[in-house]
Amino acid sequence: MKEVGAILHQAKSGRLIIKLKENVAPGTTIVDSNGRKVARVLEIIGPVKSPYASADPLTDRISRATKDKLYAY
């Protein structure tokens, strides 16, 4: 697993906004440090040097994962 970033917040649309450290492809499943699925990346937004991801949550317990490190396989 490689660290890819952290959740900043949940948008009004329900999507998660993730600040990325590593570039990931749309469709990538994001997991927390325990290996639990948190989100699936839908699109990459923002500048190339400092990207963000808009992701569809896969759990309803987002408050636990906020500000926590996220990983991808």
Protein backbone atom coordinates (compact mmCIF):
# COMPACT_ATOMS: atom_id res chain seq x y z
CA MET A 1 0.00 0.00 0.00
CA LYS A 2 1.14 3.53 -0.67
CA GLU A 3 0.01 6.67 1.12
CA VAL A 4 -2.00 8.88 -1.19
CA GLY A 5 -3.38 11.68 1.01
CA ALA A 6 -6.06 12.69 3.53
CA ILE A 7 -9.74 13.66 3.51
CA LEU A 8 -10.30 17.41 3.81
CA HIS A 9 -14.10 17.41 4.05
CA GLN A 10 -17.36 16.07 2.70
CA ALA A 11 -18.99 18.30 0.08
CA LYS A 12 -22.71 19.11 0.06
CA SER A 13 -23.09 16.68 -2.84
CA GLY A 14 -21.92 13.88 -0.53
CA ARG A 15 -18.58 13.39 -2.26
CA LEU A 16 -15.33 13.43 -0.32
CA ILE A 17 -12.62 15.94 -1.16
CA ILE A 18 -9.19 14.39 -0.70
CA LYS A 19 -5.89 16.28 -0.74
CA LEU A 20 -3.53 14.03 -2.69
CA LYS A 21 0.18 13.45 -2.10
CA GLU A 22 0.38 10.92 -4.94
CA ASN A 23 -1.43 10.92 -8.26
CA VAL A 24 -4.09 8.21 -8.48
CA ALA A 25 -6.26 7.14 -11.38
CA PRO A 26 -10.04 7.54 -11.36
CA GLY A 27 -11.62 4.31 -10.19
CA THR A 28 -8.95 3.67 -7.55
CA THR A 29 -10.25 2.40 -4.20
CA ILE A 30 -8.93 4.33 -1.21
CA VAL A 31 -8.54 2.57 2.17
CA ASP A 32 -7.69 3.71 5.71
CA SER A 33 -4.74 2.54 7.81
CA ASN A 34 -6.70 -0.57 8.88
CA GLY A 35 -7.41 -1.60 5.29
CA ARG A 36 -11.12 -0.68 5.37
CA LYS A 37 -12.50 0.75 2.14
CA VAL A 38 -13.26 4.46 2.51
CA ALA A 39 -13.87 5.84 -0.99
CA ARG A 40 -13.57 5.34 -4.74
CA VAL A 41 -11.93 8.16 -6.73
CA LEU A 42 -14.25 9.66 -9.35
CA GLU A 43 -12.16 12.53 -10.70
CA ILE A 44 -8.95 14.48 -10.13
CA ILE A 45 -9.36 18.24 -9.73
CA GLY A 46 -7.14 21.25 -9.09
CA PRO A 47 -3.63 22.14 -10.24
CA VAL A 48 -1.18 19.45 -11.35
CA LYS A 49 1.37 20.35 -8.66
CA SER A 50 -1.22 20.18 -5.87
CA PRO A 51 -4.06 17.82 -6.91
CA TYR A 52 -7.28 16.96 -5.14
CA ALA A 53 -9.61 14.04 -5.71
CA SER A 54 -13.38 13.99 -5.67
CA ALA A 55 -14.41 10.57 -4.36
CA ASP A 56 -17.58 8.61 -3.73
CA PRO A 57 -17.71 7.42 -0.08
CA LEU A 58 -17.97 3.66 0.48
CA THR A 59 -18.83 3.97 4.18
CA ASP A 60 -21.13 6.15 6.23
CA ARG A 61 -18.53 6.64 8.98
CA ILE A 62 -16.58 9.41 7.30
CA SER A 63 -15.89 11.36 10.50
CA ARG A 64 -13.48 8.60 11.63
CA ALA A 65 -11.41 8.84 8.46
CA THR A 66 -11.26 12.66 8.28
CA LYS A 67 -7.70 13.96 8.70
CA ASP A 68 -6.43 10.35 8.77
CA LYS A 69 -3.88 9.07 6.28
CA LEU A 70 -5.37 7.24 3.29
CA TYR A 71 -3.80 4.55 1.17
CA ALA A 72 -4.23 2.88 -2.25
CA TYR A 73 -3.10 -0.52 -3.47
